[in-house]
Structure formats: C-alpha cells, structure tokens
Amino acid sequence: MDVVADFSKAKSLNGGRVRFEVAGGDYRMVVAFDWKRSIAFVKFVGRMPNTARLMS
C-alpha cells in the first residue's frame, strides 16, 4: 500500500485497513480505505491497550 510507504508509523492490517500511531505513539487510529471511491473511513481512535481487540 502506498499509504504505508508514505507514513513511517503506519502498519497494514487485513481487509484494507491501516493502523497509524499518533500523538507520539500514545494513540492509534485505524482507517479503512475504499480505493475505488477514494474514501477513507476512520474506524477507531484510541489508546494503545484498547486496540488489542481490533487486531484479533
């Protein structure tokens, strides 16, 4: 994904989702991309411990 190449703190997840570390890594933002329509959907913004359930 080009997004992961452009953002050093981004990690590709399954299903076209990307996880970004924000605020110095204290928070994470999970974004789903619809590449055909050029739309990004913010799925989650929160502290790191809360993202464990999203990764499984």
PDB file of N, CA and C in Angstrom:
ATOM      1  N   MET A   1       0.842  -1.185   0.000  1.00  0.00           N
ATOM      2  CA  MET A   1       0.000   0.000   0.000  1.00  0.00           C
ATOM      3  C   MET A   1       0.881   1.239   0.000  1.00  0.00           C
ATOM      4  N   ASP A   2       0.504   2.209  -0.771  1.00  0.00           N
ATOM      5  CA  ASP A   2       1.248   3.461  -0.816  1.00  0.00           C
ATOM      6  C   ASP A   2       1.180   4.216   0.502  1.00  0.00           C
ATOM      7  N   VAL A   3       0.085   4.052   1.222  1.00  0.00           N
ATOM      8  CA  VAL A   3      -0.080   4.761   2.491  1.00  0.00           C
ATOM      9  C   VAL A   3       1.004   4.333   3.476  1.00  0.00           C
ATOM     10  N   VAL A   4       1.259   3.048   3.546  1.00  0.00           N
ATOM     11  CA  VAL A   4       2.269   2.529   4.473  1.00  0.00           C
ATOM     12  C   VAL A   4       3.651   3.038   4.086  1.00  0.00           C
ATOM     13  N   ALA A   5       3.912   3.162   2.798  1.00  0.00           N
ATOM     14  CA  ALA A   5       5.204   3.685   2.341  1.00  0.00           C
ATOM     15  C   ALA A   5       5.362   5.164   2.673  1.00  0.00           C
ATOM     16  N   ASP A   6       4.270   5.907   2.665  1.00  0.00           N
ATOM     17  CA  ASP A   6       4.321   7.354   2.910  1.00  0.00           C
ATOM     18  C   ASP A   6       4.378   7.717   4.394  1.00  0.00           C
ATOM     19  N   PHE A   7       3.867   6.850   5.249  1.00  0.00           N
ATOM     20  CA  PHE A   7       3.834   7.132   6.682  1.00  0.00           C
ATOM     21  C   PHE A   7       4.631   6.065   7.421  1.00  0.00           C
ATOM     22  N   SER A   8       5.722   6.469   8.044  1.00  0.00           N
ATOM     23  CA  SER A   8       6.624   5.504   8.678  1.00  0.00           C
ATOM     24  C   SER A   8       5.986   4.779   9.857  1.00  0.00           C
ATOM     25  N   LYS A   9       5.015   5.370  10.506  1.00  0.00           N
ATOM     26  CA  LYS A   9       4.369   4.762  11.666  1.00  0.00           C
ATOM     27  C   LYS A   9       3.103   3.996  11.304  1.00  0.00           C
ATOM     28  N   ALA A  10       2.843   3.788  10.027  1.00  0.00           N
ATOM     29  CA  ALA A  10       1.642   3.075   9.583  1.00  0.00           C
ATOM     30  C   ALA A  10       1.941   1.590   9.433  1.00  0.00           C
ATOM     31  N   LYS A  11       0.920   0.769   9.730  1.00  0.00           N
ATOM     32  CA  LYS A  11       1.050  -0.677   9.567  1.00  0.00           C
ATOM     33  C   LYS A  11      -0.192  -1.190   8.852  1.00  0.00           C
ATOM     34  N   SER A  12       0.028  -1.984   7.829  1.00  0.00           N
ATOM     35  CA  SER A  12      -1.072  -2.561   7.074  1.00  0.00           C
ATOM     36  C   SER A  12      -1.722  -3.688   7.864  1.00  0.00           C
ATOM     37  N   LEU A  13      -3.054  -3.663   7.956  1.00  0.00           N
ATOM     38  CA  LEU A  13      -3.824  -4.713   8.614  1.00  0.00           C
ATOM     39  C   LEU A  13      -4.616  -5.455   7.548  1.00  0.00           C
ATOM     40  N   ASN A  14      -5.387  -6.438   7.955  1.00  0.00           N
ATOM     41  CA  ASN A  14      -6.194  -7.167   6.981  1.00  0.00           C
ATOM     42  C   ASN A  14      -7.408  -6.348   6.542  1.00  0.00           C
ATOM     43  N   GLY A  15      -7.975  -6.691   5.413  1.00  0.00           N
ATOM     44  CA  GLY A  15      -9.197  -6.047   4.951  1.00  0.00           C
ATOM     45  C   GLY A  15      -9.052  -4.615   4.480  1.00  0.00           C
ATOM     46  N   GLY A  16      -7.869  -4.222   4.012  1.00  0.00           N
ATOM     47  CA  GLY A  16      -7.680  -2.864   3.515  1.00  0.00           C
ATOM     48  C   GLY A  16      -7.607  -1.808   4.599  1.00  0.00           C
ATOM     49  N   ARG A  17      -7.351  -2.238   5.836  1.00  0.00           N
ATOM     50  CA  ARG A  17      -7.246  -1.287   6.938  1.00  0.00           C
ATOM     51  C   ARG A  17      -5.780  -0.968   7.217  1.00  0.00           C
ATOM     52  N   VAL A  18      -5.559   0.230   7.728  1.00  0.00           N
ATOM     53  CA  VAL A  18      -4.218   0.675   8.094  1.00  0.00           C
ATOM     54  C   VAL A  18      -4.277   1.250   9.494  1.00  0.00           C
ATOM     55  N   ARG A  19      -3.279   0.894  10.320  1.00  0.00           N
ATOM     56  CA  ARG A  19      -3.175   1.421  11.672  1.00  0.00           C
ATOM     57  C   ARG A  19      -2.085   2.483  11.697  1.00  0.00           C
ATOM     58  N   PHE A  20      -2.428   3.655  12.207  1.00  0.00           N
ATOM     59  CA  PHE A  20      -1.484   4.759  12.343  1.00  0.00           C
ATOM     60  C   PHE A  20      -1.220   5.004  13.818  1.00  0.00           C
ATOM     61  N   GLU A  21       0.037   5.238  14.177  1.00  0.00           N
ATOM     62  CA  GLU A  21       0.368   5.669  15.528  1.00  0.00           C
ATOM     63  C   GLU A  21       0.396   7.193  15.524  1.00  0.00           C
ATOM     64  N   VAL A  22      -0.354   7.797  16.454  1.00  0.00           N
ATOM     65  CA  VAL A  22      -0.436   9.258  16.521  1.00  0.00           C
ATOM     66  C   VAL A  22      -0.101   9.723  17.935  1.00  0.00           C
ATOM     67  N   ALA A  23       0.162  10.996  18.088  1.00  0.00           N
ATOM     68  CA  ALA A  23       0.486  11.621  19.379  1.00  0.00           C
ATOM     69  C   ALA A  23       1.672  10.928  20.030  1.00  0.00           C
ATOM     70  N   GLY A  24       2.722  10.724  19.249  1.00  0.00           N
ATOM     71  CA  GLY A  24       3.935  10.116  19.785  1.00  0.00           C
ATOM     72  C   GLY A  24       3.786   8.648  20.108  1.00  0.00           C
ATOM     73  N   GLY A  25       2.806   7.983  19.517  1.00  0.00           N
ATOM     74  CA  GLY A  25       2.593   6.564  19.760  1.00  0.00           C
ATOM     75  C   GLY A  25       1.668   6.264  20.920  1.00  0.00           C
ATOM     76  N   ASP A  26       1.159   7.292  21.599  1.00  0.00           N
ATOM     77  CA  ASP A  26       0.233   7.073  22.712  1.00  0.00           C
ATOM     78  C   ASP A  26      -1.153   6.638  22.232  1.00  0.00           C
ATOM     79  N   TYR A  27      -1.519   7.021  21.032  1.00  0.00           N
ATOM     80  CA  TYR A  27      -2.823   6.691  20.472  1.00  0.00           C
ATOM     81  C   TYR A  27      -2.643   6.000  19.136  1.00  0.00           C
ATOM     82  N   ARG A  28      -3.669   5.256  18.754  1.00  0.00           N
ATOM     83  CA  ARG A  28      -3.689   4.619  17.442  1.00  0.00           C
ATOM     84  C   ARG A  28      -4.977   4.976  16.737  1.00  0.00           C
ATOM     85  N   MET A  29      -4.877   5.062  15.420  1.00  0.00           N
ATOM     86  CA  MET A  29      -6.037   5.323  14.585  1.00  0.00           C
ATOM     87  C   MET A  29      -6.082   4.240  13.512  1.00  0.00           C
ATOM     88  N   VAL A  30      -7.221   3.566  13.413  1.00  0.00           N
ATOM     89  CA  VAL A  30      -7.410   2.533  12.394  1.00  0.00           C
ATOM     90  C   VAL A  30      -8.324   3.110  11.326  1.00  0.00           C
ATOM     91  N   VAL A  31      -7.845   3.045  10.084  1.00  0.00           N
ATOM     92  CA  VAL A  31      -8.574   3.615   8.952  1.00  0.00           C
ATOM     93  C   VAL A  31      -8.778   2.538   7.900  1.00  0.00           C
ATOM     94  N   ALA A  32     -10.005   2.434   7.383  1.00  0.00           N
ATOM     95  CA  ALA A  32     -10.310   1.527   6.276  1.00  0.00           C
ATOM     96  C   ALA A  32     -10.392   2.359   5.002  1.00  0.00           C
ATOM     97  N   PHE A  33      -9.795   1.849   3.947  1.00  0.00           N
ATOM     98  CA  PHE A  33      -9.759   2.577   2.681  1.00  0.00           C
ATOM     99  C   PHE A  33     -10.607   1.890   1.628  1.00  0.00           C
ATOM    100  N   ASP A  34     -11.384   2.680   0.921  1.00  0.00           N
ATOM    101  CA  ASP A  34     -12.103   2.225  -0.273  1.00  0.00           C
ATOM    102  C   ASP A  34     -11.386   2.863  -1.448  1.00  0.00           C
ATOM    103  N   TRP A  35     -10.449   2.139  -2.016  1.00  0.00           N
ATOM    104  CA  TRP A  35      -9.567   2.697  -3.045  1.00  0.00           C
ATOM    105  C   TRP A  35     -10.326   3.056  -4.317  1.00  0.00           C
ATOM    106  N   LYS A  36     -11.365   2.298  -4.661  1.00  0.00           N
ATOM    107  CA  LYS A  36     -12.127   2.580  -5.885  1.00  0.00           C
ATOM    108  C   LYS A  36     -12.848   3.922  -5.819  1.00  0.00           C
ATOM    109  N   ARG A  37     -13.355   4.268  -4.628  1.00  0.00           N
ATOM    110  CA  ARG A  37     -14.074   5.538  -4.464  1.00  0.00           C
ATOM    111  C   ARG A  37     -13.216   6.633  -3.850  1.00  0.00           C
ATOM    112  N   SER A  38     -11.961   6.328  -3.539  1.00  0.00           N
ATOM    113  CA  SER A  38     -11.021   7.291  -2.930  1.00  0.00           C
ATOM    114  C   SER A  38     -11.585   7.862  -1.623  1.00  0.00           C
ATOM    115  N   ILE A  39     -12.035   6.952  -0.762  1.00  0.00           N
ATOM    116  CA  ILE A  39     -12.617   7.347   0.518  1.00  0.00           C
ATOM    117  C   ILE A  39     -11.868   6.633   1.642  1.00  0.00           C
ATOM    118  N   ALA A  40     -11.659   7.351   2.732  1.00  0.00           N
ATOM    119  CA  ALA A  40     -11.077   6.769   3.937  1.00  0.00           C
ATOM    120  C   ALA A  40     -12.110   6.834   5.057  1.00  0.00           C
ATOM    121  N   PHE A  41     -12.290   5.729   5.764  1.00  0.00           N
ATOM    122  CA  PHE A  41     -13.230   5.642   6.873  1.00  0.00           C
ATOM    123  C   PHE A  41     -12.440   5.452   8.162  1.00  0.00           C
ATOM    124  N   VAL A  42     -12.559   6.389   9.094  1.00  0.00           N
ATOM    125  CA  VAL A  42     -11.894   6.246  10.387  1.00  0.00           C
ATOM    126  C   VAL A  42     -12.725   5.269  11.212  1.00  0.00           C
ATOM    127  N   LYS A  43     -12.118   4.137  11.550  1.00  0.00           N
ATOM    128  CA  LYS A  43     -12.821   3.084  12.275  1.00  0.00           C
ATOM    129  C   LYS A  43     -12.605   3.160  13.776  1.00  0.00           C
ATOM    130  N   PHE A  44     -11.447   3.654  14.192  1.00  0.00           N
ATOM    131  CA  PHE A  44     -11.139   3.670  15.618  1.00  0.00           C
ATOM    132  C   PHE A  44     -10.062   4.707  15.888  1.00  0.00           C
ATOM    133  N   VAL A  45     -10.223   5.437  16.992  1.00  0.00           N
ATOM    134  CA  VAL A  45      -9.179   6.304  17.525  1.00  0.00           C
ATOM    135  C   VAL A  45      -9.169   6.070  19.026  1.00  0.00           C
ATOM    136  N   GLY A  46      -8.016   5.695  19.562  1.00  0.00           N
ATOM    137  CA  GLY A  46      -7.968   5.443  20.998  1.00  0.00           C
ATOM    138  C   GLY A  46      -6.578   5.090  21.473  1.00  0.00           C
ATOM    139  N   ARG A  47      -6.494   4.802  22.751  1.00  0.00           N
ATOM    140  CA  ARG A  47      -5.217   4.465  23.374  1.00  0.00           C
ATOM    141  C   ARG A  47      -4.805   3.047  22.979  1.00  0.00           C
ATOM    142  N   MET A  48      -3.534   2.786  23.062  1.00  0.00           N
ATOM    143  CA  MET A  48      -2.977   1.524  22.601  1.00  0.00           C
ATOM    144  C   MET A  48      -3.612   0.276  23.232  1.00  0.00           C
ATOM    145  N   PRO A  49      -3.861   0.206  24.529  1.00  0.00           N
ATOM    146  CA  PRO A  49      -4.434  -1.034  25.088  1.00  0.00           C
ATOM    147  C   PRO A  49      -5.797  -1.383  24.492  1.00  0.00           C
ATOM    148  N   ASN A  50      -6.548  -0.393  24.056  1.00  0.00           N
ATOM    149  CA  ASN A  50      -7.880  -0.628  23.501  1.00  0.00           C
ATOM    150  C   ASN A  50      -7.849  -1.208  22.099  1.00  0.00           C
ATOM    151  N   THR A  51      -6.699  -1.209  21.440  1.00  0.00           N
ATOM    152  CA  THR A  51      -6.633  -1.706  20.066  1.00  0.00           C
ATOM    153  C   THR A  51      -6.397  -3.204  19.995  1.00  0.00           C
ATOM    154  N   ALA A  52      -6.122  -3.866  21.093  1.00  0.00           N
ATOM    155  CA  ALA A  52      -5.857  -5.316  21.077  1.00  0.00           C
ATOM    156  C   ALA A  52      -7.022  -6.088  20.488  1.00  0.00           C
ATOM    157  N   ARG A  53      -8.241  -5.702  20.804  1.00  0.00           N
ATOM    158  CA  ARG A  53      -9.408  -6.408  20.283  1.00  0.00           C
ATOM    159  C   ARG A  53      -9.582  -6.184  18.783  1.00  0.00           C
ATOM    160  N   LEU A  54      -9.071  -5.074  18.263  1.00  0.00           N
ATOM    161  CA  LEU A  54      -9.163  -4.819  16.833  1.00  0.00           C
ATOM    162  C   LEU A  54      -8.175  -5.651  16.037  1.00  0.00           C
ATOM    163  N   MET A  55      -7.063  -6.026  16.642  1.00  0.00           N
ATOM    164  CA  MET A  55      -6.031  -6.767  15.944  1.00  0.00           C
ATOM    165  C   MET A  55      -6.355  -8.243  15.846  1.00  0.00           C
ATOM    166  N   SER A  56      -7.258  -8.739  16.687  1.00  0.00           N
ATOM    167  CA  SER A  56      -7.562 -10.168  16.666  1.00  0.00           C
ATOM    168  C   SER A  56      -8.725 -10.479  15.748  1.00  0.00           C
TER     169      SER A  56
END
